[in-house]
Amino acid sequence: RIFGHKSGMDALKKVAVHGARRGIKVMTVYAFSTENWARPVD
């Protein structure tokens, strides 16, 4: 699963840069919720 999270980080860079270039003023990304603490420690 951690491989997916690492690849997701690369996707965020692409999407954020493109959004900025399109003229979006704010992009709020849900990176970690209060409920996500229930996931495996690693």
Full PDB file with SEQRES, HELIX, SHEET, SSBOND, CRYST1, ORIGX, SCALE, CONECT and MASTER records, all heavy atoms in Angstrom:
SEQRES   1 A   42  ARG ILE PHE GLY HIS LYS SER GLY MET ASP ALA LEU LYS          
SEQRES   2 A   42  LYS VAL ALA VAL HIS GLY ALA ARG ARG GLY ILE LYS VAL          
SEQRES   3 A   42  MET THR VAL TYR ALA PHE SER THR GLU ASN TRP ALA ARG          
SEQRES   4 A   42  PRO VAL ASP                                                  
HELIX    1 AA1 ILE A    2  ARG A   22  1                                  21    
HELIX    2 AA2 THR A   34  ALA A   38  5                                   5    
CRYST1    1.000    1.000    1.000  90.00  90.00  90.00 P 1           1          
ORIGX1      1.000000  0.000000  0.000000        0.00000                         
ORIGX2      0.000000  1.000000  0.000000        0.00000                         
ORIGX3      0.000000  0.000000  1.000000        0.00000                         
SCALE1      1.000000  0.000000  0.000000        0.00000                         
SCALE2      0.000000  1.000000  0.000000        0.00000                         
SCALE3      0.000000  0.000000  1.000000        0.00000                         
ATOM      1  N   ARG A   1       0.816  -1.212   0.000  1.00  0.00           N  
ATOM      2  CA  ARG A   1       0.000   0.000   0.000  1.00  0.00           C  
ATOM      3  C   ARG A   1       0.854   1.269   0.000  1.00  0.00           C  
ATOM      4  O   ARG A   1       0.484   2.278  -0.608  1.00  0.00           O  
ATOM      5  CB  ARG A   1      -0.922   0.001   1.220  1.00  0.00           C  
ATOM      6  CG  ARG A   1      -2.047  -1.020   1.145  1.00  0.00           C  
ATOM      7  CD  ARG A   1      -2.858  -1.048   2.435  1.00  0.00           C  
ATOM      8  NE  ARG A   1      -3.429   0.259   2.742  1.00  0.00           N  
ATOM      9  CZ  ARG A   1      -4.587   0.720   2.240  1.00  0.00           C  
ATOM     10  NH1 ARG A   1      -5.288  -0.039   1.394  1.00  0.00           N  
ATOM     11  NH2 ARG A   1      -5.042   1.900   2.569  1.00  0.00           N  
ATOM     12  N   ILE A   2       2.004   1.208   0.668  1.00  0.00           N  
ATOM     13  CA  ILE A   2       2.826   2.416   0.743  1.00  0.00           C  
ATOM     14  C   ILE A   2       3.328   2.838  -0.636  1.00  0.00           C  
ATOM     15  O   ILE A   2       3.579   4.024  -0.871  1.00  0.00           O  
ATOM     16  CB  ILE A   2       4.014   2.242   1.712  1.00  0.00           C  
ATOM     17  CG1 ILE A   2       4.917   1.085   1.281  1.00  0.00           C  
ATOM     18  CG2 ILE A   2       3.522   2.038   3.136  1.00  0.00           C  
ATOM     19  CD1 ILE A   2       6.202   0.987   2.098  1.00  0.00           C  
ATOM     20  N   PHE A   3       3.452   1.889  -1.551  1.00  0.00           N  
ATOM     21  CA  PHE A   3       3.847   2.235  -2.917  1.00  0.00           C  
ATOM     22  C   PHE A   3       2.787   3.128  -3.558  1.00  0.00           C  
ATOM     23  O   PHE A   3       3.101   4.063  -4.300  1.00  0.00           O  
ATOM     24  CB  PHE A   3       4.054   0.969  -3.747  1.00  0.00           C  
ATOM     25  CG  PHE A   3       4.453   1.237  -5.173  1.00  0.00           C  
ATOM     26  CD1 PHE A   3       5.762   1.584  -5.484  1.00  0.00           C  
ATOM     27  CD2 PHE A   3       3.521   1.148  -6.196  1.00  0.00           C  
ATOM     28  CE1 PHE A   3       6.126   1.849  -6.805  1.00  0.00           C  
ATOM     29  CE2 PHE A   3       3.883   1.412  -7.511  1.00  0.00           C  
ATOM     30  CZ  PHE A   3       5.192   1.759  -7.821  1.00  0.00           C  
ATOM     31  N   GLY A   4       1.524   2.849  -3.239  1.00  0.00           N  
ATOM     32  CA  GLY A   4       0.434   3.675  -3.756  1.00  0.00           C  
ATOM     33  C   GLY A   4       0.471   5.085  -3.202  1.00  0.00           C  
ATOM     34  O   GLY A   4       0.218   6.059  -3.915  1.00  0.00           O  
ATOM     35  N   HIS A   5       0.794   5.207  -1.906  1.00  0.00           N  
ATOM     36  CA  HIS A   5       0.874   6.534  -1.293  1.00  0.00           C  
ATOM     37  C   HIS A   5       2.027   7.343  -1.901  1.00  0.00           C  
ATOM     38  O   HIS A   5       1.893   8.551  -2.118  1.00  0.00           O  
ATOM     39  CB  HIS A   5       1.060   6.401   0.213  1.00  0.00           C  
ATOM     40  CG  HIS A   5      -0.129   5.814   0.916  1.00  0.00           C  
ATOM     41  ND1 HIS A   5      -1.396   6.347   0.781  1.00  0.00           N  
ATOM     42  CD2 HIS A   5      -0.244   4.754   1.750  1.00  0.00           C  
ATOM     43  CE1 HIS A   5      -2.245   5.632   1.511  1.00  0.00           C  
ATOM     44  NE2 HIS A   5      -1.567   4.656   2.106  1.00  0.00           N  
ATOM     45  N   LYS A   6       3.134   6.687  -2.182  1.00  0.00           N  
ATOM     46  CA  LYS A   6       4.270   7.383  -2.796  1.00  0.00           C  
ATOM     47  C   LYS A   6       3.907   7.848  -4.200  1.00  0.00           C  
ATOM     48  O   LYS A   6       4.220   8.981  -4.592  1.00  0.00           O  
ATOM     49  CB  LYS A   6       5.489   6.462  -2.847  1.00  0.00           C  
ATOM     50  CG  LYS A   6       6.744   7.142  -3.364  1.00  0.00           C  
ATOM     51  CD  LYS A   6       7.929   6.201  -3.339  1.00  0.00           C  
ATOM     52  CE  LYS A   6       9.213   6.930  -3.769  1.00  0.00           C  
ATOM     53  NZ  LYS A   6       9.084   7.529  -5.102  1.00  0.00           N  
ATOM     54  N   SER A   7       3.234   7.006  -4.956  1.00  0.00           N  
ATOM     55  CA  SER A   7       2.811   7.390  -6.305  1.00  0.00           C  
ATOM     56  C   SER A   7       1.770   8.498  -6.245  1.00  0.00           C  
ATOM     57  O   SER A   7       1.719   9.365  -7.121  1.00  0.00           O  
ATOM     58  CB  SER A   7       2.251   6.166  -7.044  1.00  0.00           C  
ATOM     59  OG  SER A   7       3.249   5.171  -7.198  1.00  0.00           O  
ATOM     60  N   GLY A   8       0.944   8.471  -5.196  1.00  0.00           N  
ATOM     61  CA  GLY A   8      -0.054   9.525  -5.014  1.00  0.00           C  
ATOM     62  C   GLY A   8       0.596  10.877  -4.773  1.00  0.00           C  
ATOM     63  O   GLY A   8       0.057  11.917  -5.179  1.00  0.00           O  
ATOM     64  N   MET A   9       1.757  10.876  -4.117  1.00  0.00           N  
ATOM     65  CA  MET A   9       2.487  12.113  -3.886  1.00  0.00           C  
ATOM     66  C   MET A   9       2.928  12.725  -5.217  1.00  0.00           C  
ATOM     67  O   MET A   9       2.839  13.940  -5.432  1.00  0.00           O  
ATOM     68  CB  MET A   9       3.706  11.830  -3.003  1.00  0.00           C  
ATOM     69  CG  MET A   9       4.557  13.049  -2.692  1.00  0.00           C  
ATOM     70  SD  MET A   9       6.032  12.631  -1.713  1.00  0.00           S  
ATOM     71  CE  MET A   9       7.051  11.834  -2.980  1.00  0.00           C  
ATOM     72  N   ASP A  10       3.383  11.887  -6.127  1.00  0.00           N  
ATOM     73  CA  ASP A  10       3.795  12.376  -7.439  1.00  0.00           C  
ATOM     74  C   ASP A  10       2.593  12.913  -8.227  1.00  0.00           C  
ATOM     75  O   ASP A  10       2.704  13.919  -8.946  1.00  0.00           O  
ATOM     76  CB  ASP A  10       4.474  11.255  -8.225  1.00  0.00           C  
ATOM     77  CG  ASP A  10       5.767  10.786  -7.563  1.00  0.00           C  
ATOM     78  OD1 ASP A  10       6.411  11.613  -6.894  1.00  0.00           O  
ATOM     79  OD2 ASP A  10       6.113   9.607  -7.720  1.00  0.00           O  
ATOM     80  N   ALA A  11       1.443  12.250  -8.070  1.00  0.00           N  
ATOM     81  CA  ALA A  11       0.229  12.727  -8.739  1.00  0.00           C  
ATOM     82  C   ALA A  11      -0.179  14.091  -8.216  1.00  0.00           C  
ATOM     83  O   ALA A  11      -0.620  14.964  -8.974  1.00  0.00           O  
ATOM     84  CB  ALA A  11      -0.906  11.715  -8.540  1.00  0.00           C  
ATOM     85  N   LEU A  12      -0.016  14.296  -6.914  1.00  0.00           N  
ATOM     86  CA  LEU A  12      -0.373  15.579  -6.314  1.00  0.00           C  
ATOM     87  C   LEU A  12       0.445  16.712  -6.916  1.00  0.00           C  
ATOM     88  O   LEU A  12      -0.085  17.792  -7.191  1.00  0.00           O  
ATOM     89  CB  LEU A  12      -0.175  15.526  -4.804  1.00  0.00           C  
ATOM     90  CG  LEU A  12      -0.403  16.844  -4.051  1.00  0.00           C  
ATOM     91  CD1 LEU A  12      -1.802  17.383  -4.307  1.00  0.00           C  
ATOM     92  CD2 LEU A  12      -0.168  16.656  -2.556  1.00  0.00           C  
ATOM     93  N   LYS A  13       1.722  16.483  -7.106  1.00  0.00           N  
ATOM     94  CA  LYS A  13       2.564  17.525  -7.699  1.00  0.00           C  
ATOM     95  C   LYS A  13       2.029  17.913  -9.068  1.00  0.00           C  
ATOM     96  O   LYS A  13       1.877  19.106  -9.388  1.00  0.00           O  
ATOM     97  CB  LYS A  13       4.001  17.024  -7.768  1.00  0.00           C  
ATOM     98  CG  LYS A  13       4.969  17.982  -8.448  1.00  0.00           C  
ATOM     99  CD  LYS A  13       5.259  17.555  -9.870  1.00  0.00           C  
ATOM    100  CE  LYS A  13       6.267  18.477 -10.566  1.00  0.00           C  
ATOM    101  NZ  LYS A  13       6.524  18.051 -11.977  1.00  0.00           N  
ATOM    102  N   LYS A  14       1.720  16.937  -9.913  1.00  0.00           N  
ATOM    103  CA  LYS A  14       1.235  17.228 -11.261  1.00  0.00           C  
ATOM    104  C   LYS A  14      -0.080  17.989 -11.234  1.00  0.00           C  
ATOM    105  O   LYS A  14      -0.267  18.975 -11.961  1.00  0.00           O  
ATOM    106  CB  LYS A  14       1.066  15.923 -12.054  1.00  0.00           C  
ATOM    107  CG  LYS A  14       2.358  15.226 -12.426  1.00  0.00           C  
ATOM    108  CD  LYS A  14       2.119  14.061 -13.363  1.00  0.00           C  
ATOM    109  CE  LYS A  14       1.358  12.935 -12.697  1.00  0.00           C  
ATOM    110  NZ  LYS A  14       1.219  11.746 -13.570  1.00  0.00           N  
ATOM    111  N   VAL A  15      -1.007  17.521 -10.402  1.00  0.00           N  
ATOM    112  CA  VAL A  15      -2.337  18.125 -10.346  1.00  0.00           C  
ATOM    113  C   VAL A  15      -2.270  19.537  -9.760  1.00  0.00           C  
ATOM    114  O   VAL A  15      -2.935  20.455 -10.248  1.00  0.00           O  
ATOM    115  CB  VAL A  15      -3.298  17.233  -9.529  1.00  0.00           C  
ATOM    116  CG1 VAL A  15      -4.620  17.942  -9.268  1.00  0.00           C  
ATOM    117  CG2 VAL A  15      -3.541  15.916 -10.270  1.00  0.00           C  
ATOM    118  N   ALA A  16      -1.455  19.717  -8.726  1.00  0.00           N  
ATOM    119  CA  ALA A  16      -1.344  21.038  -8.106  1.00  0.00           C  
ATOM    120  C   ALA A  16      -0.752  22.053  -9.079  1.00  0.00           C  
ATOM    121  O   ALA A  16      -1.259  23.172  -9.209  1.00  0.00           O  
ATOM    122  CB  ALA A  16      -0.491  20.953  -6.844  1.00  0.00           C  
ATOM    123  N   VAL A  17       0.301  21.681  -9.762  1.00  0.00           N  
ATOM    124  CA  VAL A  17       0.928  22.595 -10.717  1.00  0.00           C  
ATOM    125  C   VAL A  17      -0.046  22.944 -11.836  1.00  0.00           C  
ATOM    126  O   VAL A  17      -0.179  24.113 -12.224  1.00  0.00           O  
ATOM    127  CB  VAL A  17       2.218  21.971 -11.293  1.00  0.00           C  
ATOM    128  CG1 VAL A  17       2.709  22.771 -12.500  1.00  0.00           C  
ATOM    129  CG2 VAL A  17       3.300  21.921 -10.224  1.00  0.00           C  
ATOM    130  N   HIS A  18      -0.761  21.944 -12.344  1.00  0.00           N  
ATOM    131  CA  HIS A  18      -1.717  22.197 -13.422  1.00  0.00           C  
ATOM    132  C   HIS A  18      -2.863  23.083 -12.931  1.00  0.00           C  
ATOM    133  O   HIS A  18      -3.289  23.992 -13.651  1.00  0.00           O  
ATOM    134  CB  HIS A  18      -2.266  20.877 -13.958  1.00  0.00           C  
ATOM    135  CG  HIS A  18      -3.102  21.028 -15.192  1.00  0.00           C  
ATOM    136  ND1 HIS A  18      -2.609  21.544 -16.367  1.00  0.00           N  
ATOM    137  CD2 HIS A  18      -4.424  20.748 -15.425  1.00  0.00           C  
ATOM    138  CE1 HIS A  18      -3.578  21.566 -17.275  1.00  0.00           C  
ATOM    139  NE2 HIS A  18      -4.674  21.095 -16.730  1.00  0.00           N  
ATOM    140  N   GLY A  19      -3.334  22.823 -11.712  1.00  0.00           N  
ATOM    141  CA  GLY A  19      -4.397  23.651 -11.155  1.00  0.00           C  
ATOM    142  C   GLY A  19      -3.962  25.099 -11.010  1.00  0.00           C  
ATOM    143  O   GLY A  19      -4.721  26.034 -11.319  1.00  0.00           O  
ATOM    144  N   ALA A  20      -2.727  25.290 -10.559  1.00  0.00           N  
ATOM    145  CA  ALA A  20      -2.200  26.653 -10.409  1.00  0.00           C  
ATOM    146  C   ALA A  20      -2.116  27.342 -11.760  1.00  0.00           C  
ATOM    147  O   ALA A  20      -2.468  28.523 -11.895  1.00  0.00           O  
ATOM    148  CB  ALA A  20      -0.828  26.604  -9.744  1.00  0.00           C  
ATOM    149  N   ARG A  21      -1.680  26.617 -12.752  1.00  0.00           N  
ATOM    150  CA  ARG A  21      -1.565  27.201 -14.100  1.00  0.00           C  
ATOM    151  C   ARG A  21      -2.929  27.495 -14.714  1.00  0.00           C  
ATOM    152  O   ARG A  21      -3.061  28.449 -15.491  1.00  0.00           O  
ATOM    153  CB  ARG A  21      -0.760  26.260 -15.001  1.00  0.00           C  
ATOM    154  CG  ARG A  21       0.714  26.172 -14.612  1.00  0.00           C  
ATOM    155  CD  ARG A  21       1.465  25.171 -15.475  1.00  0.00           C  
ATOM    156  NE  ARG A  21       2.890  25.147 -15.130  1.00  0.00           N  
ATOM    157  CZ  ARG A  21       3.771  24.312 -15.681  1.00  0.00           C  
ATOM    158  NH1 ARG A  21       3.378  23.439 -16.608  1.00  0.00           N  
ATOM    159  NH2 ARG A  21       5.035  24.352 -15.308  1.00  0.00           N  
ATOM    160  N   ARG A  22      -3.923  26.714 -14.371  1.00  0.00           N  
ATOM    161  CA  ARG A  22      -5.280  26.961 -14.870  1.00  0.00           C  
ATOM    162  C   ARG A  22      -5.905  28.198 -14.224  1.00  0.00           C  
ATOM    163  O   ARG A  22      -6.854  28.763 -14.747  1.00  0.00           O  
ATOM    164  CB  ARG A  22      -6.180  25.752 -14.586  1.00  0.00           C  
ATOM    165  CG  ARG A  22      -6.017  24.555 -15.511  1.00  0.00           C  
ATOM    166  CD  ARG A  22      -6.466  24.814 -16.943  1.00  0.00           C  
ATOM    167  NE  ARG A  22      -7.801  25.363 -17.054  1.00  0.00           N  
ATOM    168  CZ  ARG A  22      -8.919  24.665 -17.281  1.00  0.00           C  
ATOM    169  NH1 ARG A  22      -8.835  23.351 -17.392  1.00  0.00           N  
ATOM    170  NH2 ARG A  22     -10.084  25.242 -17.416  1.00  0.00           N  
ATOM    171  N   GLY A  23      -5.401  28.591 -13.050  1.00  0.00           N  
ATOM    172  CA  GLY A  23      -5.942  29.770 -12.387  1.00  0.00           C  
ATOM    173  C   GLY A  23      -6.772  29.474 -11.158  1.00  0.00           C  
ATOM    174  O   GLY A  23      -7.420  30.370 -10.612  1.00  0.00           O  
ATOM    175  N   ILE A  24      -6.750  28.217 -10.685  1.00  0.00           N  
ATOM    176  CA  ILE A  24      -7.423  27.892  -9.424  1.00  0.00           C  
ATOM    177  C   ILE A  24      -6.721  28.645  -8.297  1.00  0.00           C  
ATOM    178  O   ILE A  24      -5.497  28.734  -8.270  1.00  0.00           O  
ATOM    179  CB  ILE A  24      -7.392  26.364  -9.179  1.00  0.00           C  
ATOM    180  CG1 ILE A  24      -8.269  25.655 -10.210  1.00  0.00           C  
ATOM    181  CG2 ILE A  24      -7.846  26.021  -7.759  1.00  0.00           C  
ATOM    182  CD1 ILE A  24      -8.113  24.153 -10.208  1.00  0.00           C  
ATOM    183  N   LYS A  25      -7.488  29.193  -7.374  1.00  0.00           N  
ATOM    184  CA  LYS A  25      -6.900  30.019  -6.323  1.00  0.00           C  
ATOM    185  C   LYS A  25      -6.558  29.236  -5.057  1.00  0.00           C  
ATOM    186  O   LYS A  25      -5.597  29.570  -4.365  1.00  0.00           O  
ATOM    187  CB  LYS A  25      -7.844  31.174  -5.986  1.00  0.00           C  
ATOM    188  CG  LYS A  25      -8.021  32.146  -7.147  1.00  0.00           C  
ATOM    189  CD  LYS A  25      -8.949  33.288  -6.790  1.00  0.00           C  
ATOM    190  CE  LYS A  25      -9.096  34.255  -7.966  1.00  0.00           C  
ATOM    191  NZ  LYS A  25     -10.038  35.363  -7.650  1.00  0.00           N  
ATOM    192  N   VAL A  26      -7.360  28.213  -4.753  1.00  0.00           N  
ATOM    193  CA  VAL A  26      -7.100  27.370  -3.580  1.00  0.00           C  
ATOM    194  C   VAL A  26      -7.358  25.914  -3.959  1.00  0.00           C  
ATOM    195  O   VAL A  26      -8.370  25.607  -4.608  1.00  0.00           O  
ATOM    196  CB  VAL A  26      -8.000  27.730  -2.377  1.00  0.00           C  
ATOM    197  CG1 VAL A  26      -7.726  26.784  -1.201  1.00  0.00           C  
ATOM    198  CG2 VAL A  26      -7.792  29.177  -1.946  1.00  0.00           C  
ATOM    199  N   MET A  27      -6.462  25.034  -3.574  1.00  0.00           N  
ATOM    200  CA  MET A  27      -6.690  23.601  -3.709  1.00  0.00           C  
ATOM    201  C   MET A  27      -6.446  22.974  -2.333  1.00  0.00           C  
ATOM    202  O   MET A  27      -5.322  22.984  -1.830  1.00  0.00           O  
ATOM    203  CB  MET A  27      -5.767  22.977  -4.757  1.00  0.00           C  
ATOM    204  CG  MET A  27      -6.025  21.486  -4.972  1.00  0.00           C  
ATOM    205  SD  MET A  27      -4.992  20.767  -6.312  1.00  0.00           S  
ATOM    206  CE  MET A  27      -5.731  21.525  -7.768  1.00  0.00           C  
ATOM    207  N   THR A  28      -7.518  22.475  -1.719  1.00  0.00           N  
ATOM    208  CA  THR A  28      -7.405  21.821  -0.415  1.00  0.00           C  
ATOM    209  C   THR A  28      -7.428  20.320  -0.620  1.00  0.00           C  
ATOM    210  O   THR A  28      -8.391  19.773  -1.165  1.00  0.00           O  
ATOM    211  CB  THR A  28      -8.555  22.239   0.523  1.00  0.00           C  
ATOM    212  OG1 THR A  28      -8.480  23.645   0.767  1.00  0.00           O  
ATOM    213  CG2 THR A  28      -8.461  21.509   1.860  1.00  0.00           C  
ATOM    214  N   VAL A  29      -6.368  19.651  -0.219  1.00  0.00           N  
ATOM    215  CA  VAL A  29      -6.253  18.206  -0.440  1.00  0.00           C  
ATOM    216  C   VAL A  29      -6.346  17.472   0.893  1.00  0.00           C  
ATOM    217  O   VAL A  29      -5.716  17.851   1.872  1.00  0.00           O  
ATOM    218  CB  VAL A  29      -4.948  17.864  -1.175  1.00  0.00           C  
ATOM    219  CG1 VAL A  29      -4.962  18.445  -2.581  1.00  0.00           C  
ATOM    220  CG2 VAL A  29      -3.715  18.353  -0.433  1.00  0.00           C  
ATOM    221  N   TYR A  30      -7.152  16.428   0.894  1.00  0.00           N  
ATOM    222  CA  TYR A  30      -7.390  15.636   2.102  1.00  0.00           C  
ATOM    223  C   TYR A  30      -6.255  14.631   2.232  1.00  0.00           C  
ATOM    224  O   TYR A  30      -6.295  13.542   1.662  1.00  0.00           O  
ATOM    225  CB  TYR A  30      -8.725  14.920   1.964  1.00  0.00           C  
ATOM    226  CG  TYR A  30      -9.452  14.608   3.250  1.00  0.00           C  
ATOM    227  CD1 TYR A  30      -9.056  15.104   4.480  1.00  0.00           C  
ATOM    228  CD2 TYR A  30     -10.598  13.810   3.224  1.00  0.00           C  
ATOM    229  CE1 TYR A  30      -9.757  14.825   5.640  1.00  0.00           C  
ATOM    230  CE2 TYR A  30     -11.315  13.526   4.374  1.00  0.00           C  
ATOM    231  CZ  TYR A  30     -10.889  14.034   5.575  1.00  0.00           C  
ATOM    232  OH  TYR A  30     -11.595  13.750   6.727  1.00  0.00           O  
ATOM    233  N   ALA A  31      -5.223  14.998   2.979  1.00  0.00           N  
ATOM    234  CA  ALA A  31      -4.018  14.182   3.061  1.00  0.00           C  
ATOM    235  C   ALA A  31      -4.080  13.133   4.165  1.00  0.00           C  
ATOM    236  O   ALA A  31      -3.516  12.046   4.031  1.00  0.00           O  
ATOM    237  CB  ALA A  31      -2.799  15.082   3.267  1.00  0.00           C  
ATOM    238  N   PHE A  32      -4.758  13.471   5.277  1.00  0.00           N  
ATOM    239  CA  PHE A  32      -4.838  12.529   6.405  1.00  0.00           C  
ATOM    240  C   PHE A  32      -5.992  12.977   7.300  1.00  0.00           C  
ATOM    241  O   PHE A  32      -6.004  14.103   7.793  1.00  0.00           O  
ATOM    242  CB  PHE A  32      -3.529  12.536   7.205  1.00  0.00           C  
ATOM    243  CG  PHE A  32      -3.420  11.421   8.207  1.00  0.00           C  
ATOM    244  CD1 PHE A  32      -2.975  10.170   7.845  1.00  0.00           C  
ATOM    245  CD2 PHE A  32      -3.768  11.629   9.540  1.00  0.00           C  
ATOM    246  CE1 PHE A  32      -2.867   9.136   8.769  1.00  0.00           C  
ATOM    247  CE2 PHE A  32      -3.670  10.609  10.476  1.00  0.00           C  
ATOM    248  CZ  PHE A  32      -3.217   9.356  10.087  1.00  0.00           C  
ATOM    249  N   SER A  33      -6.965  12.101   7.492  1.00  0.00           N  
ATOM    250  CA  SER A  33      -8.132  12.439   8.302  1.00  0.00           C  
ATOM    251  C   SER A  33      -7.935  12.021   9.754  1.00  0.00           C  
ATOM    252  O   SER A  33      -7.041  11.223  10.078  1.00  0.00           O  
ATOM    253  CB  SER A  33      -9.386  11.753   7.748  1.00  0.00           C  
ATOM    254  OG  SER A  33      -9.379  10.371   8.067  1.00  0.00           O  
ATOM    255  N   THR A  34      -8.769  12.536  10.634  1.00  0.00           N  
ATOM    256  CA  THR A  34      -8.701  12.146  12.046  1.00  0.00           C  
ATOM    257  C   THR A  34      -8.997  10.664  12.210  1.00  0.00           C  
ATOM    258  O   THR A  34      -8.559  10.047  13.194  1.00  0.00           O  
ATOM    259  CB  THR A  34      -9.698  12.971  12.879  1.00  0.00           C  
ATOM    260  OG1 THR A  34     -10.993  12.913  12.260  1.00  0.00           O  
ATOM    261  CG2 THR A  34      -9.266  14.425  12.976  1.00  0.00           C  
ATOM    262  N   GLU A  35      -9.712  10.087  11.252  1.00  0.00           N  
ATOM    263  CA  GLU A  35     -10.041   8.656  11.320  1.00  0.00           C  
ATOM    264  C   GLU A  35      -8.905   7.770  10.813  1.00  0.00           C  
ATOM    265  O   GLU A  35      -8.878   6.557  11.081  1.00  0.00           O  
ATOM    266  CB  GLU A  35     -11.315   8.370  10.503  1.00  0.00           C  
ATOM    267  CG  GLU A  35     -12.599   8.954  11.092  1.00  0.00           C  
ATOM    268  CD  GLU A  35     -12.729  10.449  10.836  1.00  0.00           C  
ATOM    269  OE1 GLU A  35     -12.139  10.945   9.847  1.00  0.00           O  
ATOM    270  OE2 GLU A  35     -13.416  11.133  11.627  1.00  0.00           O  
ATOM    271  N   ASN A  36      -7.982   8.351  10.065  1.00  0.00           N  
ATOM    272  CA  ASN A  36      -6.909   7.548   9.472  1.00  0.00           C  
ATOM    273  C   ASN A  36      -5.916   6.999  10.485  1.00  0.00           C  
ATOM    274  O   ASN A  36      -5.103   6.129  10.157  1.00  0.00           O  
ATOM    275  CB  ASN A  36      -6.144   8.362   8.420  1.00  0.00           C  
ATOM    276  CG  ASN A  36      -6.900   8.549   7.127  1.00  0.00           C  
ATOM    277  OD1 ASN A  36      -6.650   9.499   6.381  1.00  0.00           O  
ATOM    278  ND2 ASN A  36      -7.860   7.673   6.844  1.00  0.00           N  
ATOM    279  N   TRP A  37      -5.971   7.492  11.723  1.00  0.00           N  
ATOM    280  CA  TRP A  37      -5.093   6.949  12.763  1.00  0.00           C  
ATOM    281  C   TRP A  37      -5.392   5.469  13.018  1.00  0.00           C  
ATOM    282  O   TRP A  37      -4.556   4.752  13.586  1.00  0.00           O  
ATOM    283  CB  TRP A  37      -5.246   7.726  14.065  1.00  0.00           C  
ATOM    284  CG  TRP A  37      -4.741   9.133  13.996  1.00  0.00           C  
ATOM    285  CD1 TRP A  37      -5.486  10.277  13.965  1.00  0.00           C  
ATOM    286  CD2 TRP A  37      -3.373   9.565  13.952  1.00  0.00           C  
ATOM    287  NE1 TRP A  37      -4.686  11.379  13.896  1.00  0.00           N  
ATOM    288  CE2 TRP A  37      -3.373  10.979  13.892  1.00  0.00           C  
ATOM    289  CE3 TRP A  37      -2.150   8.889  13.955  1.00  0.00           C  
ATOM    290  CZ2 TRP A  37      -2.196  11.730  13.836  1.00  0.00           C  
ATOM    291  CZ3 TRP A  37      -0.970   9.636  13.891  1.00  0.00           C  
ATOM    292  CH2 TRP A  37      -1.003  11.037  13.837  1.00  0.00           C  
ATOM    293  N   ALA A  38      -6.574   5.008  12.601  1.00  0.00           N  
ATOM    294  CA  ALA A  38      -6.952   3.609  12.819  1.00  0.00           C  
ATOM    295  C   ALA A  38      -6.262   2.656  11.838  1.00  0.00           C  
ATOM    296  O   ALA A  38      -6.385   1.436  11.961  1.00  0.00           O  
ATOM    297  CB  ALA A  38      -8.468   3.458  12.702  1.00  0.00           C  
ATOM    298  N   ARG A  39      -5.543   3.191  10.882  1.00  0.00           N  
ATOM    299  CA  ARG A  39      -4.836   2.344   9.911  1.00  0.00           C  
ATOM    300  C   ARG A  39      -3.606   1.696  10.575  1.00  0.00           C  
ATOM    301  O   ARG A  39      -3.187   2.114  11.642  1.00  0.00           O  
ATOM    302  CB  ARG A  39      -4.422   3.181   8.701  1.00  0.00           C  
ATOM    303  CG  ARG A  39      -5.614   3.666   7.890  1.00  0.00           C  
ATOM    304  CD  ARG A  39      -5.182   4.314   6.603  1.00  0.00           C  
ATOM    305  NE  ARG A  39      -6.329   4.694   5.794  1.00  0.00           N  
ATOM    306  CZ  ARG A  39      -6.254   5.126   4.536  1.00  0.00           C  
ATOM    307  NH1 ARG A  39      -5.065   5.213   3.945  1.00  0.00           N  
ATOM    308  NH2 ARG A  39      -7.345   5.453   3.872  1.00  0.00           N  
ATOM    309  N   PRO A  40      -3.023   0.690   9.918  1.00  0.00           N  
ATOM    310  CA  PRO A  40      -1.829   0.042  10.475  1.00  0.00           C  
ATOM    311  C   PRO A  40      -0.732   1.061  10.793  1.00  0.00           C  
ATOM    312  O   PRO A  40      -0.541   2.028  10.053  1.00  0.00           O  
ATOM    313  CB  PRO A  40      -1.402  -0.919   9.360  1.00  0.00           C  
ATOM    314  CG  PRO A  40      -2.671  -1.224   8.626  1.00  0.00           C  
ATOM    315  CD  PRO A  40      -3.472   0.047   8.665  1.00  0.00           C  
ATOM    316  N   VAL A  41      -0.038   0.828  11.887  1.00  0.00           N  
ATOM    317  CA  VAL A  41       0.971   1.772  12.374  1.00  0.00           C  
ATOM    318  C   VAL A  41       2.023   2.088  11.318  1.00  0.00           C  
ATOM    319  O   VAL A  41       2.385   3.260  11.116  1.00  0.00           O  
ATOM    320  CB  VAL A  41       1.660   1.214  13.650  1.00  0.00           C  
ATOM    321  CG1 VAL A  41       2.822   2.110  14.065  1.00  0.00           C  
ATOM    322  CG2 VAL A  41       0.647   1.100  14.785  1.00  0.00           C  
ATOM    323  N   ASP A  42       2.515   1.083  10.621  1.00  0.00           N  
ATOM    324  CA  ASP A  42       3.556   1.301   9.615  1.00  0.00           C  
ATOM    325  C   ASP A  42       3.052   2.190   8.470  1.00  0.00           C  
ATOM    326  O   ASP A  42       3.799   3.025   7.946  1.00  0.00           O  
ATOM    327  CB  ASP A  42       4.050  -0.036   9.053  1.00  0.00           C  
ATOM    328  CG  ASP A  42       4.898  -0.802  10.055  1.00  0.00           C  
ATOM    329  OD1 ASP A  42       5.338  -0.184  11.048  1.00  0.00           O  
ATOM    330  OD2 ASP A  42       5.108  -2.012   9.861  1.00  0.00           O  
TER     331      ASP A  42                                                      
MASTER        0    0    0    2    0    0    0    6  330    1    0    4          
END                                                                             
